[in-house]
Amino acid sequence: MTRLPNGTFWAAPPAPVHTRAEDWEPARMPLALRVLLMIGAAVWCLAIVGAFHLVHGQVEPVVTFHGGALSTMVRNPARDTADVTVELMGARARVSPSAFWLAPGERQAVRVRLREAVLTGTILRLVTCVTPRTASLQGNAAGAVARIYVRTCIAAKAVA
């Protein structure tokens, strides 16, 4: 109650009762938190685009067998030398070469010949795994060092 100059008292009306969802005011996030969330989303987007850029161009996404054999190129777009292994999943095959290393910017032709008959239209997987030769080093003030190797495997579709 509020005292008025004429000596009387004035009572404020009671606070409205919120009974519907539309009656509530939405809670607003602080500006700093909104900016932090936007920066975090931007960092994740850049990380995904960067990972796609590293993987994109290493192998063809779809390769096709012709007469029981196929040939494809494997590239190393990274800045480090990488060990590469290639294998065909779903059928017995000879992969030549099945393991090799690539310097930055190099490419290697890989040939695959099926050792067993496969029905036309069968989908197999040509799995190419790339492991960098040098690890990224993570150290701290105590002198402890962690060597981190990130092995990337790409499964391309091989159509018989």
N, C-alpha and C. Protein backbone atom coordinates (compact mmCIF):
# COMPACT_ATOMS: atom_id res chain seq x y z
N MET A 1 0.83 -1.17 0.00
CA MET A 1 0.00 0.00 0.00
C MET A 1 0.88 1.23 0.00
N THR A 2 0.43 2.25 -0.70
CA THR A 2 1.17 3.49 -0.84
C THR A 2 0.40 4.63 -0.16
N ARG A 3 1.08 5.46 0.66
CA ARG A 3 0.43 6.59 1.34
C ARG A 3 0.35 7.75 0.37
N LEU A 4 -0.84 8.28 0.19
CA LEU A 4 -1.06 9.42 -0.69
C LEU A 4 -0.93 10.72 0.12
N PRO A 5 -0.68 11.92 -0.57
CA PRO A 5 -0.52 13.17 0.16
C PRO A 5 -1.74 13.58 1.01
N ASN A 6 -2.94 13.14 0.64
CA ASN A 6 -4.12 13.53 1.43
C ASN A 6 -4.33 12.64 2.64
N GLY A 7 -3.41 11.72 2.93
CA GLY A 7 -3.50 10.89 4.13
C GLY A 7 -4.19 9.56 3.90
N THR A 8 -4.68 9.33 2.68
CA THR A 8 -5.31 8.04 2.41
C THR A 8 -4.25 7.09 1.84
N PHE A 9 -4.66 5.86 1.76
CA PHE A 9 -3.76 4.84 1.23
C PHE A 9 -4.32 4.30 -0.09
N TRP A 10 -3.41 4.01 -0.99
CA TRP A 10 -3.82 3.45 -2.27
C TRP A 10 -3.21 2.06 -2.40
N ALA A 11 -4.00 1.10 -2.74
CA ALA A 11 -3.53 -0.28 -2.89
C ALA A 11 -3.36 -0.58 -4.38
N ALA A 12 -2.23 -1.11 -4.73
CA ALA A 12 -1.98 -1.47 -6.12
C ALA A 12 -2.82 -2.69 -6.47
N PRO A 13 -3.24 -2.79 -7.73
CA PRO A 13 -4.01 -3.97 -8.11
C PRO A 13 -3.14 -5.23 -7.97
N PRO A 14 -3.76 -6.34 -7.71
CA PRO A 14 -2.96 -7.57 -7.56
C PRO A 14 -2.26 -7.94 -8.86
N ALA A 15 -1.14 -8.65 -8.73
CA ALA A 15 -0.39 -9.10 -9.90
C ALA A 15 -1.25 -10.08 -10.70
N PRO A 16 -1.21 -9.99 -12.02
CA PRO A 16 -2.05 -10.89 -12.81
C PRO A 16 -1.61 -12.34 -12.64
N VAL A 17 -2.58 -13.21 -12.69
CA VAL A 17 -2.30 -14.64 -12.58
C VAL A 17 -2.01 -15.17 -13.98
N HIS A 18 -0.87 -15.85 -14.13
CA HIS A 18 -0.49 -16.39 -15.44
C HIS A 18 -1.07 -17.79 -15.57
N THR A 19 -2.02 -17.93 -16.45
CA THR A 19 -2.64 -19.24 -16.63
C THR A 19 -2.39 -19.83 -18.00
N ARG A 20 -2.00 -19.01 -18.97
CA ARG A 20 -1.77 -19.51 -20.32
C ARG A 20 -0.30 -19.38 -20.67
N ALA A 21 0.15 -20.16 -21.64
CA ALA A 21 1.55 -20.10 -22.07
C ALA A 21 1.88 -18.75 -22.69
N GLU A 22 0.88 -18.13 -23.32
CA GLU A 22 1.14 -16.84 -23.97
C GLU A 22 1.33 -15.71 -22.96
N ASP A 23 0.91 -15.92 -21.71
CA ASP A 23 1.04 -14.88 -20.69
C ASP A 23 2.48 -14.70 -20.22
N TRP A 24 3.32 -15.71 -20.41
CA TRP A 24 4.69 -15.67 -19.88
C TRP A 24 5.60 -14.96 -20.86
N GLU A 25 6.48 -14.15 -20.33
CA GLU A 25 7.52 -13.51 -21.14
C GLU A 25 8.66 -14.50 -21.29
N PRO A 26 9.18 -14.69 -22.50
CA PRO A 26 10.31 -15.63 -22.65
C PRO A 26 11.55 -15.07 -21.96
N ALA A 27 12.31 -15.96 -21.36
CA ALA A 27 13.56 -15.55 -20.71
C ALA A 27 14.59 -15.26 -21.79
N ARG A 28 15.24 -14.14 -21.72
CA ARG A 28 16.23 -13.76 -22.72
C ARG A 28 17.61 -14.16 -22.25
N MET A 29 18.38 -14.71 -23.17
CA MET A 29 19.76 -15.05 -22.86
C MET A 29 20.60 -13.78 -22.81
N PRO A 30 21.57 -13.75 -21.96
CA PRO A 30 22.47 -12.59 -21.96
C PRO A 30 23.20 -12.50 -23.30
N LEU A 31 23.53 -11.29 -23.68
CA LEU A 31 24.17 -11.05 -24.97
C LEU A 31 25.50 -11.81 -25.07
N ALA A 32 26.27 -11.84 -24.00
CA ALA A 32 27.57 -12.53 -24.03
C ALA A 32 27.39 -14.02 -24.32
N LEU A 33 26.36 -14.62 -23.73
CA LEU A 33 26.12 -16.04 -23.97
C LEU A 33 25.69 -16.29 -25.41
N ARG A 34 24.85 -15.41 -25.96
CA ARG A 34 24.45 -15.55 -27.36
C ARG A 34 25.65 -15.43 -28.30
N VAL A 35 26.52 -14.47 -28.04
CA VAL A 35 27.72 -14.29 -28.88
C VAL A 35 28.62 -15.51 -28.76
N LEU A 36 28.78 -16.03 -27.56
CA LEU A 36 29.62 -17.21 -27.34
C LEU A 36 29.06 -18.42 -28.09
N LEU A 37 27.75 -18.61 -28.07
CA LEU A 37 27.15 -19.72 -28.81
C LEU A 37 27.32 -19.56 -30.32
N MET A 38 27.21 -18.34 -30.82
CA MET A 38 27.40 -18.12 -32.26
C MET A 38 28.85 -18.38 -32.66
N ILE A 39 29.80 -17.96 -31.83
CA ILE A 39 31.21 -18.23 -32.13
C ILE A 39 31.48 -19.73 -32.10
N GLY A 40 30.91 -20.44 -31.12
CA GLY A 40 31.08 -21.89 -31.06
C GLY A 40 30.52 -22.59 -32.28
N ALA A 41 29.35 -22.16 -32.73
CA ALA A 41 28.76 -22.75 -33.94
C ALA A 41 29.62 -22.48 -35.16
N ALA A 42 30.18 -21.27 -35.25
CA ALA A 42 31.05 -20.94 -36.38
C ALA A 42 32.31 -21.78 -36.36
N VAL A 43 32.89 -21.99 -35.18
CA VAL A 43 34.10 -22.82 -35.08
C VAL A 43 33.81 -24.25 -35.51
N TRP A 44 32.67 -24.81 -35.08
CA TRP A 44 32.32 -26.17 -35.49
C TRP A 44 32.11 -26.25 -37.00
N CYS A 45 31.46 -25.25 -37.58
CA CYS A 45 31.26 -25.25 -39.04
C CYS A 45 32.59 -25.22 -39.77
N LEU A 46 33.52 -24.39 -39.31
CA LEU A 46 34.83 -24.33 -39.94
C LEU A 46 35.60 -25.63 -39.77
N ALA A 47 35.46 -26.28 -38.61
CA ALA A 47 36.13 -27.57 -38.39
C ALA A 47 35.58 -28.63 -39.33
N ILE A 48 34.28 -28.65 -39.52
CA ILE A 48 33.67 -29.63 -40.43
C ILE A 48 34.10 -29.37 -41.86
N VAL A 49 34.09 -28.10 -42.27
CA VAL A 49 34.52 -27.76 -43.63
C VAL A 49 36.00 -28.11 -43.81
N GLY A 50 36.82 -27.86 -42.79
CA GLY A 50 38.24 -28.20 -42.88
C GLY A 50 38.47 -29.69 -42.98
N ALA A 51 37.72 -30.47 -42.21
CA ALA A 51 37.86 -31.93 -42.29
C ALA A 51 37.40 -32.42 -43.65
N PHE A 52 36.33 -31.85 -44.18
CA PHE A 52 35.87 -32.25 -45.51
C PHE A 52 36.91 -31.92 -46.56
N HIS A 53 37.56 -30.76 -46.42
CA HIS A 53 38.59 -30.37 -47.38
C HIS A 53 39.76 -31.34 -47.36
N LEU A 54 40.15 -31.82 -46.17
CA LEU A 54 41.26 -32.76 -46.08
C LEU A 54 40.91 -34.11 -46.70
N VAL A 55 39.67 -34.55 -46.50
CA VAL A 55 39.26 -35.86 -47.01
C VAL A 55 38.89 -35.78 -48.49
N HIS A 56 38.30 -34.66 -48.90
CA HIS A 56 37.86 -34.51 -50.28
C HIS A 56 39.05 -34.53 -51.22
N GLY A 57 38.96 -35.32 -52.25
CA GLY A 57 40.02 -35.37 -53.24
C GLY A 57 41.05 -36.45 -53.00
N GLN A 58 40.94 -37.20 -51.90
CA GLN A 58 41.90 -38.27 -51.68
C GLN A 58 41.59 -39.48 -52.54
N VAL A 59 40.32 -39.84 -52.62
CA VAL A 59 39.91 -40.97 -53.46
C VAL A 59 38.63 -40.61 -54.19
N GLU A 60 38.34 -41.34 -55.26
CA GLU A 60 37.09 -41.15 -55.98
C GLU A 60 35.96 -41.73 -55.14
N PRO A 61 34.81 -41.06 -55.05
CA PRO A 61 33.72 -41.59 -54.21
C PRO A 61 33.05 -42.83 -54.79
N VAL A 62 33.02 -42.95 -56.11
CA VAL A 62 32.41 -44.12 -56.76
C VAL A 62 33.36 -44.60 -57.85
N VAL A 63 33.70 -45.89 -57.80
CA VAL A 63 34.54 -46.49 -58.85
C VAL A 63 33.79 -47.69 -59.42
N THR A 64 34.06 -48.02 -60.68
CA THR A 64 33.33 -49.08 -61.36
C THR A 64 34.29 -50.11 -61.91
N PHE A 65 33.95 -51.38 -61.72
CA PHE A 65 34.73 -52.48 -62.29
C PHE A 65 34.40 -52.62 -63.76
N HIS A 66 35.43 -52.87 -64.57
CA HIS A 66 35.27 -53.17 -65.99
C HIS A 66 36.03 -54.45 -66.26
N GLY A 67 35.30 -55.53 -66.56
CA GLY A 67 35.95 -56.82 -66.81
C GLY A 67 36.61 -57.38 -65.56
N GLY A 68 36.06 -57.13 -64.40
CA GLY A 68 36.60 -57.67 -63.15
C GLY A 68 37.78 -56.89 -62.60
N ALA A 69 38.09 -55.74 -63.16
CA ALA A 69 39.22 -54.94 -62.67
C ALA A 69 38.83 -53.47 -62.64
N LEU A 70 39.50 -52.73 -61.78
CA LEU A 70 39.31 -51.28 -61.75
C LEU A 70 40.63 -50.62 -61.44
N SER A 71 40.70 -49.35 -61.78
CA SER A 71 41.89 -48.55 -61.51
C SER A 71 41.41 -47.20 -60.99
N THR A 72 42.05 -46.71 -59.95
CA THR A 72 41.68 -45.42 -59.37
C THR A 72 42.93 -44.72 -58.85
N MET A 73 42.80 -43.42 -58.58
CA MET A 73 43.91 -42.63 -58.06
C MET A 73 43.67 -42.32 -56.59
N VAL A 74 44.76 -42.36 -55.81
CA VAL A 74 44.73 -41.94 -54.41
C VAL A 74 45.66 -40.74 -54.31
N ARG A 75 45.17 -39.64 -53.71
CA ARG A 75 45.96 -38.41 -53.61
C ARG A 75 46.20 -38.07 -52.14
N ASN A 76 47.25 -37.27 -51.91
CA ASN A 76 47.54 -36.77 -50.57
C ASN A 76 47.51 -35.24 -50.62
N PRO A 77 46.35 -34.62 -50.30
CA PRO A 77 46.27 -33.16 -50.31
C PRO A 77 46.81 -32.52 -49.03
N ALA A 78 47.20 -33.33 -48.06
CA ALA A 78 47.66 -32.80 -46.77
C ALA A 78 49.09 -32.25 -46.89
N ARG A 79 49.55 -31.61 -45.80
CA ARG A 79 50.90 -31.03 -45.77
C ARG A 79 51.94 -31.99 -45.22
N ASP A 80 51.52 -33.18 -44.79
CA ASP A 80 52.43 -34.15 -44.20
C ASP A 80 52.47 -35.42 -45.04
N THR A 81 53.56 -36.15 -44.93
CA THR A 81 53.67 -37.46 -45.58
C THR A 81 52.72 -38.41 -44.86
N ALA A 82 52.07 -39.29 -45.63
CA ALA A 82 51.06 -40.18 -45.06
C ALA A 82 51.28 -41.61 -45.51
N ASP A 83 51.01 -42.57 -44.60
CA ASP A 83 50.98 -43.98 -44.94
C ASP A 83 49.56 -44.32 -45.37
N VAL A 84 49.43 -45.07 -46.48
CA VAL A 84 48.12 -45.37 -47.06
C VAL A 84 47.97 -46.88 -47.19
N THR A 85 46.79 -47.39 -46.79
CA THR A 85 46.45 -48.79 -47.04
C THR A 85 45.12 -48.83 -47.79
N VAL A 86 45.00 -49.78 -48.73
CA VAL A 86 43.80 -49.90 -49.55
C VAL A 86 43.37 -51.36 -49.53
N GLU A 87 42.06 -51.60 -49.32
CA GLU A 87 41.53 -52.97 -49.38
C GLU A 87 40.11 -52.94 -49.91
N LEU A 88 39.71 -54.04 -50.51
CA LEU A 88 38.35 -54.19 -51.04
C LEU A 88 37.56 -55.06 -50.08
N MET A 89 36.39 -54.58 -49.65
CA MET A 89 35.54 -55.32 -48.71
C MET A 89 34.36 -55.89 -49.48
N GLY A 90 34.00 -57.14 -49.19
CA GLY A 90 32.83 -57.75 -49.80
C GLY A 90 33.15 -58.82 -50.82
N ALA A 91 34.39 -58.91 -51.26
CA ALA A 91 34.80 -59.94 -52.22
C ALA A 91 36.32 -60.09 -52.13
N ARG A 92 36.79 -61.28 -52.53
CA ARG A 92 38.24 -61.49 -52.56
C ARG A 92 38.80 -60.80 -53.79
N ALA A 93 39.88 -60.05 -53.58
CA ALA A 93 40.47 -59.30 -54.69
C ALA A 93 41.95 -59.07 -54.42
N ARG A 94 42.68 -58.80 -55.51
CA ARG A 94 44.09 -58.43 -55.40
C ARG A 94 44.18 -56.92 -55.60
N VAL A 95 44.72 -56.24 -54.58
CA VAL A 95 44.88 -54.80 -54.62
C VAL A 95 46.37 -54.52 -54.79
N SER A 96 46.71 -53.74 -55.80
CA SER A 96 48.11 -53.47 -56.07
C SER A 96 48.32 -51.98 -56.30
N PRO A 97 49.12 -51.32 -55.50
CA PRO A 97 49.71 -51.73 -54.23
C PRO A 97 48.68 -51.57 -53.11
N SER A 98 48.76 -52.44 -52.10
CA SER A 98 47.79 -52.38 -51.01
C SER A 98 48.27 -51.49 -49.87
N ALA A 99 49.58 -51.23 -49.79
CA ALA A 99 50.12 -50.33 -48.76
C ALA A 99 51.27 -49.54 -49.36
N PHE A 100 51.28 -48.23 -49.13
CA PHE A 100 52.34 -47.36 -49.66
C PHE A 100 52.31 -46.07 -48.88
N TRP A 101 53.24 -45.17 -49.15
CA TRP A 101 53.24 -43.84 -48.53
C TRP A 101 53.25 -42.78 -49.61
N LEU A 102 52.66 -41.64 -49.27
CA LEU A 102 52.58 -40.52 -50.21
C LEU A 102 53.12 -39.26 -49.56
N ALA A 103 53.97 -38.57 -50.30
CA ALA A 103 54.45 -37.26 -49.85
C ALA A 103 53.35 -36.23 -50.12
N PRO A 104 53.45 -35.04 -49.55
CA PRO A 104 52.42 -34.03 -49.79
C PRO A 104 52.26 -33.72 -51.28
N GLY A 105 51.02 -33.75 -51.76
CA GLY A 105 50.73 -33.43 -53.15
C GLY A 105 50.91 -34.59 -54.11
N GLU A 106 51.44 -35.71 -53.67
CA GLU A 106 51.65 -36.85 -54.58
C GLU A 106 50.36 -37.61 -54.80
N ARG A 107 50.35 -38.44 -55.85
CA ARG A 107 49.24 -39.33 -56.13
C ARG A 107 49.77 -40.69 -56.55
N GLN A 108 48.94 -41.71 -56.38
CA GLN A 108 49.34 -43.08 -56.67
C GLN A 108 48.16 -43.79 -57.35
N ALA A 109 48.44 -44.50 -58.44
CA ALA A 109 47.42 -45.31 -59.10
C ALA A 109 47.29 -46.64 -58.35
N VAL A 110 46.06 -47.05 -58.09
CA VAL A 110 45.79 -48.31 -57.41
C VAL A 110 44.94 -49.15 -58.34
N ARG A 111 45.33 -50.41 -58.51
CA ARG A 111 44.59 -51.33 -59.37
C ARG A 111 44.02 -52.46 -58.52
N VAL A 112 42.78 -52.84 -58.83
CA VAL A 112 42.10 -53.90 -58.10
C VAL A 112 41.59 -54.91 -59.12
N ARG A 113 41.89 -56.19 -58.90
CA ARG A 113 41.39 -57.26 -59.76
C ARG A 113 40.66 -58.27 -58.87
N LEU A 114 39.41 -58.56 -59.25
CA LEU A 114 38.61 -59.52 -58.49
C LEU A 114 39.15 -60.93 -58.68
N ARG A 115 39.17 -61.71 -57.60
CA ARG A 115 39.62 -63.10 -57.66
C ARG A 115 38.45 -64.06 -57.74
N GLU A 116 37.23 -63.57 -57.57
CA GLU A 116 36.05 -64.42 -57.64
C GLU A 116 34.98 -63.70 -58.45
N ALA A 117 34.05 -64.48 -58.98
CA ALA A 117 32.98 -63.90 -59.79
C ALA A 117 31.99 -63.16 -58.89
N VAL A 118 31.60 -61.98 -59.33
CA VAL A 118 30.64 -61.17 -58.58
C VAL A 118 29.54 -60.77 -59.55
N LEU A 119 28.30 -60.83 -59.10
CA LEU A 119 27.17 -60.47 -59.95
C LEU A 119 27.27 -59.00 -60.38
N THR A 120 26.84 -58.71 -61.59
CA THR A 120 26.84 -57.34 -62.09
C THR A 120 25.89 -56.49 -61.25
N GLY A 121 26.33 -55.32 -60.88
CA GLY A 121 25.52 -54.42 -60.05
C GLY A 121 25.77 -54.56 -58.56
N THR A 122 26.59 -55.54 -58.17
CA THR A 122 26.92 -55.72 -56.76
C THR A 122 27.73 -54.52 -56.28
N ILE A 123 27.40 -54.03 -55.09
CA ILE A 123 28.12 -52.89 -54.53
C ILE A 123 29.09 -53.39 -53.47
N LEU A 124 30.35 -53.07 -53.67
CA LEU A 124 31.42 -53.42 -52.73
C LEU A 124 31.99 -52.13 -52.15
N ARG A 125 32.88 -52.25 -51.16
CA ARG A 125 33.51 -51.07 -50.57
C ARG A 125 35.01 -51.11 -50.79
N LEU A 126 35.55 -50.04 -51.32
CA LEU A 126 36.99 -49.87 -51.46
C LEU A 126 37.42 -48.95 -50.33
N VAL A 127 38.05 -49.52 -49.30
CA VAL A 127 38.40 -48.77 -48.09
C VAL A 127 39.85 -48.30 -48.19
N THR A 128 40.03 -46.99 -48.10
CA THR A 128 41.36 -46.39 -48.14
C THR A 128 41.61 -45.71 -46.80
N CYS A 129 42.66 -46.13 -46.10
CA CYS A 129 43.00 -45.55 -44.79
C CYS A 129 44.29 -44.75 -44.92
N VAL A 130 44.27 -43.53 -44.40
CA VAL A 130 45.41 -42.62 -44.47
C VAL A 130 45.84 -42.27 -43.05
N THR A 131 47.12 -42.52 -42.74
CA THR A 131 47.67 -42.21 -41.42
C THR A 131 48.88 -41.30 -41.60
N PRO A 132 48.90 -40.12 -40.97
CA PRO A 132 50.08 -39.25 -41.12
C PRO A 132 51.30 -39.89 -40.47
N ARG A 133 52.47 -39.66 -41.06
CA ARG A 133 53.70 -40.21 -40.50
C ARG A 133 54.19 -39.42 -39.29
N THR A 134 53.91 -38.13 -39.27
CA THR A 134 54.32 -37.31 -38.13
C THR A 134 53.09 -37.02 -37.29
N ALA A 135 53.22 -37.18 -36.00
CA ALA A 135 52.11 -36.93 -35.09
C ALA A 135 52.08 -35.47 -34.69
N SER A 136 50.89 -34.98 -34.39
CA SER A 136 50.81 -33.64 -33.83
C SER A 136 51.15 -33.76 -32.34
N LEU A 137 52.05 -32.93 -31.87
CA LEU A 137 52.50 -33.00 -30.49
C LEU A 137 51.71 -32.04 -29.63
N GLN A 138 51.24 -32.54 -28.51
CA GLN A 138 50.55 -31.71 -27.53
C GLN A 138 51.36 -31.78 -26.24
N GLY A 139 51.90 -30.66 -25.81
CA GLY A 139 52.71 -30.65 -24.60
C GLY A 139 52.14 -29.71 -23.56
N ASN A 140 52.68 -29.81 -22.34
CA ASN A 140 52.27 -28.89 -21.29
C ASN A 140 53.51 -28.41 -20.55
N ALA A 141 53.32 -27.59 -19.54
CA ALA A 141 54.44 -26.99 -18.82
C ALA A 141 55.26 -28.03 -18.06
N ALA A 142 54.67 -29.15 -17.70
CA ALA A 142 55.39 -30.17 -16.93
C ALA A 142 56.31 -31.00 -17.81
N GLY A 143 56.24 -30.82 -19.12
CA GLY A 143 57.12 -31.55 -20.03
C GLY A 143 56.50 -32.82 -20.58
N ALA A 144 55.27 -33.13 -20.20
CA ALA A 144 54.61 -34.31 -20.73
C ALA A 144 54.17 -34.04 -22.17
N VAL A 145 54.34 -35.03 -23.02
CA VAL A 145 54.00 -34.86 -24.43
C VAL A 145 53.08 -35.99 -24.86
N ALA A 146 52.03 -35.65 -25.58
CA ALA A 146 51.13 -36.66 -26.15
C ALA A 146 51.26 -36.61 -27.66
N ARG A 147 51.51 -37.75 -28.27
CA ARG A 147 51.58 -37.83 -29.72
C ARG A 147 50.22 -38.32 -30.22
N ILE A 148 49.60 -37.51 -31.07
CA ILE A 148 48.26 -37.82 -31.53
C ILE A 148 48.30 -38.12 -33.02
N TYR A 149 47.89 -39.34 -33.38
CA TYR A 149 47.78 -39.75 -34.77
C TYR A 149 46.31 -39.87 -35.11
N VAL A 150 45.89 -39.22 -36.19
CA VAL A 150 44.50 -39.31 -36.63
C VAL A 150 44.48 -40.12 -37.92
N ARG A 151 43.91 -41.32 -37.84
CA ARG A 151 43.81 -42.20 -39.01
C ARG A 151 42.46 -41.97 -39.65
N THR A 152 42.46 -41.63 -40.94
CA THR A 152 41.23 -41.35 -41.67
C THR A 152 40.98 -42.49 -42.64
N CYS A 153 39.81 -43.12 -42.54
CA CYS A 153 39.44 -44.19 -43.46
C CYS A 153 38.24 -43.73 -44.29
N ILE A 154 38.36 -43.90 -45.59
CA ILE A 154 37.31 -43.49 -46.52
C ILE A 154 36.83 -44.73 -47.26
N ALA A 155 35.52 -44.98 -47.20
CA ALA A 155 34.94 -46.14 -47.89
C ALA A 155 34.27 -45.64 -49.18
N ALA A 156 34.89 -45.94 -50.31
CA ALA A 156 34.32 -45.56 -51.60
C ALA A 156 33.42 -46.70 -52.08
N LYS A 157 32.42 -46.35 -52.87
CA LYS A 157 31.52 -47.35 -53.42
C LYS A 157 32.14 -47.93 -54.69
N ALA A 158 32.31 -49.25 -54.69
CA ALA A 158 32.85 -49.95 -55.87
C ALA A 158 31.72 -50.78 -56.47
N VAL A 159 31.32 -50.45 -57.69
CA VAL A 159 30.21 -51.13 -58.36
C VAL A 159 30.76 -52.16 -59.32
N ALA A 160 30.36 -53.42 -59.12
CA ALA A 160 30.84 -54.50 -59.99
C ALA A 160 30.06 -54.52 -61.29
